[in-house]
Structures are given as structure tokens and as C-alpha cells.
Amino acid sequence: MRRDIDLRSLDTPQAVAAAFGFSAAVGDRLAAFDRVFMEAAEIHNLVARSTLPDRFARHYADSLQLAAFIPESACTHVDLGSGAGFPGLVLAAALSDRGLKTRLVESTGKKAAFLAQAADAMGLDVVLENARIESLAPAPADIVTARALAPLEKLFGYVAPFCGPETVALLPKGQDVAAELTEAAKSWMYEIVTHPSVTNADAAILEVRNLASRALDRPEPHSRRRQSKGRRR
């Protein structure tokens, strides 16, 4: 991934796309998204309003940098808590041409309606689930993303039902990432690579594989095992 991006130069959707090596067509999709986003942001609390002037670096580039960690072979993508479309719709705009199919999961009706409107303006064919994450049936995907959704210990619980043996979860995290990993390790097993964020020196991107609950790995208590043997005799 490029490390030399001048964040101050990211003042249009086209500039964001170009900075990460994407085509003008991707920039046009992001521009269509931005028009819908800014209209909706005046009505709904999609992101903190204080971040809107710097949105191309704070939200667009922060989302698009995840594309560098998505394998070429990936076909299916689930974005959890899609809310304002970051990173789900931004990644769909960038990678739909290579066949990545994106599924957006958002429980709030107004935000789901915004996502549908934005996807339509971008000409994207995405699957939108207006539902709570916990209510969905397990369905492994190649890529799982979630941004600003929950602390890792809880977030892993949301992510796990969408993970299979080859799944990669890409999870942007802020300055508290070390403490969150320490807490999450009490309940979860995983393989992880931490990448520095190009948009925030205090942030990181977690590339997570082989996520599994420690509860599923614990042996049955000794007293219960003895009782089982007794019943078998």
C-alpha cells in the first residue's frame, strides 16, 4: 500500500480514487455517492458533522485503503453496521468491476434507506439487509469489514458467523487497539496482522484470520466427563 499520500490533496472523490490507483470510473461512482451522502448528512447523523469538511481523507480514503488487503480471488464481501456507507459502499465502488459482490447489513431503517439510494445512484448491485446482525443466519464470506461498530471483544461476536476457513476480516481500529486486543484475547482465538493506517498515525487496520471462540475450544469439565463415563457403563 502507498504510504506517501498527501491527505491535504484529497479534496474530491476523483482525487481519492486516483491516490489509491483506481480508475476515473471509480472516482465517478464515489462522486455520485458523495452527492447522496451530503444530502443525507444534512438530515441524518451519518457521521460526526465536524468531520464533513475533511470527509475525503477521514472517511473515503480511510475506507478505500482496505482494498489493498482484499485478495484478487475474493468474490463475496459482507460489511457489518454499514451505516454511512464506510467502508462498504466505498469498497463496492472500487471493486465491483472485478466481481466482488457486497452485502451491506444495517439495522436502522433510515440509514438502510440511505444506503439503497446511494447504491442506486452509483449504479451498484449490492445486497442490503435491513436487520440486526445477530438475527442473520451464519453465512461465511471471503471478506468481512466493519468500521466504528463495537469494541473488538463484542465485534468478534458479530464477525464470527460470517467467517469460514479462508475468510479475511478487515477491521479499522483507533488508538485503543492494543487494549481491545488484550481484552478480546480472553474470549477469542485468531491470527492477526496489524497494518498502520495511511490516514491516521494513531490508527491501525487489523487483518484477522481463523477467528474462533475460546468457549468452543474448552474441554468439558472433569466432573461431567466422569458422569458420562458412568452412564456409558
Protein backbone atom coordinates (compact mmCIF):
# COMPACT_ATOMS: atom_id res chain seq x y z
CA MET A 1 0.00 0.00 0.00
CA ARG A 2 1.17 3.52 -0.70
CA ARG A 3 2.42 5.44 2.34
CA ASP A 4 3.15 8.75 0.62
CA ILE A 5 -0.38 10.01 0.10
CA ASP A 6 -0.78 13.72 0.77
CA LEU A 7 -4.04 13.83 2.69
CA ARG A 8 -4.38 17.55 2.02
CA SER A 9 -4.69 16.81 -1.71
CA LEU A 10 -7.73 14.59 -1.19
CA ASP A 11 -10.34 17.23 -1.84
CA THR A 12 -12.59 15.41 -4.35
CA PRO A 13 -13.83 11.85 -4.83
CA GLN A 14 -11.77 11.64 -8.03
CA ALA A 15 -8.63 12.64 -6.12
CA VAL A 16 -9.24 9.88 -3.56
CA ALA A 17 -9.68 7.25 -6.28
CA ALA A 18 -6.56 8.39 -8.13
CA ALA A 19 -4.45 8.47 -4.97
CA PHE A 20 -5.11 4.76 -4.46
CA GLY A 21 -4.59 3.84 -8.11
CA PHE A 22 -8.23 3.42 -9.11
CA SER A 23 -9.81 4.47 -12.37
CA ALA A 24 -11.78 7.59 -13.22
CA ALA A 25 -14.90 5.40 -13.29
CA VAL A 26 -14.37 4.62 -9.60
CA GLY A 27 -13.97 8.33 -8.92
CA ASP A 28 -17.26 8.98 -10.70
CA ARG A 29 -19.02 6.38 -8.56
CA LEU A 30 -17.63 7.98 -5.43
CA ALA A 31 -18.78 11.38 -6.66
CA ALA A 32 -22.31 10.03 -7.14
CA PHE A 33 -22.14 8.58 -3.65
CA ASP A 34 -20.92 11.90 -2.21
CA ARG A 35 -23.86 13.82 -3.62
CA VAL A 36 -26.34 11.49 -1.91
CA PHE A 37 -24.21 11.32 1.23
CA MET A 38 -24.03 15.09 1.70
CA GLU A 39 -27.77 15.49 1.21
CA ALA A 40 -28.48 12.76 3.74
CA ALA A 41 -25.88 14.07 6.19
CA GLU A 42 -27.85 17.32 6.45
CA ILE A 43 -30.83 15.35 7.78
CA HIS A 44 -29.42 12.28 9.49
CA ASN A 45 -26.47 11.78 11.83
CA LEU A 46 -24.49 9.58 9.45
CA VAL A 47 -21.08 10.73 10.72
CA ALA A 48 -19.93 13.45 13.12
CA ARG A 49 -20.71 16.72 11.34
CA SER A 50 -17.35 18.13 12.39
CA THR A 51 -15.70 15.58 10.05
CA LEU A 52 -17.64 16.56 6.92
CA PRO A 53 -15.16 19.21 5.67
CA ASP A 54 -12.38 16.58 5.81
CA ARG A 55 -14.56 13.68 4.73
CA PHE A 56 -12.43 12.63 1.75
CA ALA A 57 -9.46 11.83 3.99
CA ARG A 58 -11.37 10.98 7.19
CA HIS A 59 -13.93 8.64 5.62
CA TYR A 60 -13.37 7.98 1.91
CA ALA A 61 -9.61 7.36 1.97
CA ASP A 62 -9.86 5.63 5.35
CA SER A 63 -12.27 3.16 3.74
CA LEU A 64 -10.54 2.80 0.37
CA GLN A 65 -7.20 1.85 1.93
CA LEU A 66 -8.74 -1.51 2.92
CA ALA A 67 -8.85 -2.51 -0.75
CA ALA A 68 -5.10 -3.21 -0.66
CA PHE A 69 -5.70 -6.14 1.69
CA ILE A 70 -8.52 -7.78 -0.26
CA PRO A 71 -7.22 -10.74 -2.30
CA GLU A 72 -7.87 -10.77 -6.04
CA SER A 73 -9.63 -14.12 -5.57
CA ALA A 74 -12.23 -12.69 -3.16
CA CYS A 75 -15.78 -12.92 -4.51
CA THR A 76 -18.04 -12.17 -1.54
CA HIS A 77 -17.91 -9.28 0.92
CA VAL A 78 -20.05 -8.59 4.00
CA ASP A 79 -19.96 -5.15 5.61
CA LEU A 80 -21.46 -5.06 9.11
CA GLY A 81 -23.10 -1.95 10.54
CA SER A 82 -22.89 -0.26 7.15
CA GLY A 83 -24.48 3.00 8.37
CA ALA A 84 -22.97 5.82 6.33
CA GLY A 85 -21.53 3.52 3.65
CA PHE A 86 -17.98 3.45 5.04
CA PRO A 87 -16.28 1.22 4.15
CA GLY A 88 -18.93 -0.99 2.50
CA LEU A 89 -20.13 1.18 -0.38
CA VAL A 90 -16.71 2.73 -0.97
CA LEU A 91 -15.16 -0.73 -1.40
CA ALA A 92 -18.08 -1.82 -3.59
CA ALA A 93 -17.48 1.21 -5.81
CA ALA A 94 -13.81 0.31 -6.15
CA LEU A 95 -14.01 -3.45 -6.55
CA SER A 96 -17.34 -4.28 -8.18
CA ASP A 97 -15.71 -4.28 -11.62
CA ARG A 98 -13.55 -7.21 -10.64
CA GLY A 99 -16.57 -9.20 -9.49
CA LEU A 100 -16.69 -8.59 -5.74
CA LYS A 101 -20.27 -8.97 -4.51
CA THR A 102 -21.06 -6.80 -1.48
CA ARG A 103 -23.68 -7.41 1.20
CA LEU A 104 -24.49 -4.48 3.49
CA VAL A 105 -26.02 -5.09 6.92
CA GLU A 106 -27.67 -2.14 8.68
CA SER A 107 -30.38 -2.31 11.35
CA THR A 108 -31.52 1.34 11.30
CA GLY A 109 -34.25 1.89 8.72
CA LYS A 110 -33.30 5.46 7.80
CA LYS A 111 -29.68 4.50 7.25
CA ALA A 112 -30.67 1.45 5.23
CA ALA A 113 -32.83 3.68 3.02
CA PHE A 114 -29.85 6.00 2.51
CA LEU A 115 -27.63 3.06 1.55
CA ALA A 116 -30.17 1.87 -1.00
CA GLN A 117 -30.44 5.35 -2.51
CA ALA A 118 -26.66 5.74 -2.65
CA ALA A 119 -26.09 2.32 -4.23
CA ASP A 120 -28.71 3.13 -6.86
CA ALA A 121 -27.05 6.48 -7.64
CA MET A 122 -23.71 4.70 -8.06
CA GLY A 123 -25.18 2.03 -10.31
CA LEU A 124 -24.10 -0.72 -7.93
CA ASP A 125 -25.81 -4.05 -7.47
CA VAL A 126 -25.45 -4.78 -3.75
CA VAL A 127 -27.46 -6.87 -1.29
CA LEU A 128 -28.89 -4.78 1.53
CA GLU A 129 -30.08 -6.37 4.77
CA ASN A 130 -32.12 -4.03 6.98
CA ALA A 131 -31.75 -6.25 10.04
CA ARG A 132 -29.82 -6.71 13.25
CA ILE A 133 -26.59 -8.59 12.73
CA GLU A 134 -27.49 -11.13 15.40
CA SER A 135 -30.70 -12.06 13.58
CA LEU A 136 -28.97 -13.22 10.40
CA ALA A 137 -28.15 -16.84 9.68
CA PRO A 138 -24.44 -17.70 9.57
CA ALA A 139 -23.13 -17.24 6.02
CA PRO A 140 -19.35 -17.25 5.50
CA ALA A 141 -17.93 -14.64 3.13
CA ASP A 142 -14.46 -14.14 1.68
CA ILE A 143 -14.15 -10.67 3.23
CA VAL A 144 -15.81 -9.17 6.31
CA THR A 145 -15.49 -5.49 7.17
CA ALA A 146 -16.80 -3.30 9.98
CA ARG A 147 -15.86 0.26 10.91
CA ALA A 148 -16.57 2.05 14.19
CA LEU A 149 -19.09 -0.61 15.21
CA ALA A 150 -18.02 -2.01 18.61
CA PRO A 151 -15.01 -2.90 20.78
CA LEU A 152 -13.18 -5.96 19.48
CA GLU A 153 -14.42 -8.42 22.10
CA LYS A 154 -18.01 -7.68 21.04
CA LEU A 155 -17.16 -7.06 17.38
CA PHE A 156 -15.66 -10.53 17.01
CA GLY A 157 -19.01 -11.95 18.10
CA TYR A 158 -20.66 -10.11 15.22
CA VAL A 159 -17.97 -11.11 12.73
CA ALA A 160 -17.60 -14.82 13.62
CA PRO A 161 -20.85 -16.10 11.97
CA PHE A 162 -19.62 -14.74 8.64
CA CYS A 163 -16.19 -16.38 8.87
CA GLY A 164 -15.10 -19.58 7.15
CA PRO A 165 -11.67 -21.22 6.84
CA GLU A 166 -10.49 -18.73 4.20
CA THR A 167 -12.25 -15.58 5.44
CA VAL A 168 -10.28 -12.38 6.00
CA ALA A 169 -11.79 -9.79 8.35
CA LEU A 170 -10.53 -6.23 7.85
CA LEU A 171 -11.26 -4.09 10.87
CA PRO A 172 -10.07 -0.46 11.17
CA LYS A 173 -9.32 0.47 14.77
CA GLY A 174 -8.18 3.57 16.65
CA GLN A 175 -5.60 4.29 19.30
CA ASP A 176 -7.08 1.86 21.85
CA VAL A 177 -6.42 -1.15 19.62
CA ALA A 178 -3.81 -2.73 21.93
CA ALA A 179 -6.13 -2.67 24.94
CA GLU A 180 -9.01 -4.01 22.84
CA LEU A 181 -6.86 -6.91 21.58
CA THR A 182 -5.83 -7.78 25.13
CA GLU A 183 -9.45 -7.92 26.22
CA ALA A 184 -10.61 -9.81 23.13
CA ALA A 185 -7.92 -12.47 23.57
CA LYS A 186 -9.65 -13.63 26.75
CA SER A 187 -12.63 -14.86 24.72
CA TRP A 188 -11.34 -15.30 21.17
CA MET A 189 -8.59 -17.06 19.24
CA TYR A 190 -7.34 -15.58 15.98
CA GLU A 191 -4.41 -14.95 13.69
CA ILE A 192 -3.79 -11.26 13.16
CA VAL A 193 -1.62 -8.89 11.18
CA THR A 194 -1.69 -5.21 12.16
CA HIS A 195 -1.21 -2.65 9.40
CA PRO A 196 -0.62 1.06 10.02
CA SER A 197 -3.35 3.33 8.70
CA VAL A 198 -2.34 5.78 5.96
CA THR A 199 -4.94 8.28 7.13
CA ASN A 200 -4.31 8.36 10.89
CA ALA A 201 -0.98 7.75 12.60
CA ASP A 202 -2.76 6.57 15.75
CA ALA A 203 -4.98 4.07 13.94
CA ALA A 204 -4.47 0.60 12.51
CA ILE A 205 -6.10 -1.93 10.23
CA LEU A 206 -6.49 -5.40 11.71
CA GLU A 207 -6.28 -8.26 9.21
CA VAL A 208 -7.87 -11.18 11.05
CA ARG A 209 -7.99 -14.85 10.06
CA ASN A 210 -9.11 -18.09 11.74
CA LEU A 211 -11.36 -16.35 14.26
CA ALA A 212 -12.87 -18.76 16.79
CA SER A 213 -14.45 -18.51 20.21
CA ARG A 214 -12.42 -19.89 23.10
CA ALA A 215 -15.66 -21.21 24.59
CA LEU A 216 -15.88 -23.72 21.75
CA ASP A 217 -12.34 -24.92 22.46
CA ARG A 218 -12.78 -25.57 26.18
CA PRO A 219 -12.93 -29.24 27.29
CA GLU A 220 -15.93 -30.49 29.15
CA PRO A 221 -15.50 -30.11 32.95
CA HIS A 222 -13.89 -33.16 34.59
CA SER A 223 -16.88 -33.89 36.82
CA ARG A 224 -19.22 -34.03 33.85
CA ARG A 225 -16.85 -36.31 31.94
CA ARG A 226 -16.84 -38.78 34.87
CA GLN A 227 -20.61 -38.82 34.98
CA SER A 228 -20.78 -39.53 31.26
CA LYS A 229 -18.47 -42.49 31.64
CA GLY A 230 -20.62 -43.80 34.44
CA ARG A 231 -23.71 -43.65 32.26
CA ARG A 232 -21.93 -45.48 29.46
CA ARG A 233 -21.05 -48.32 31.86
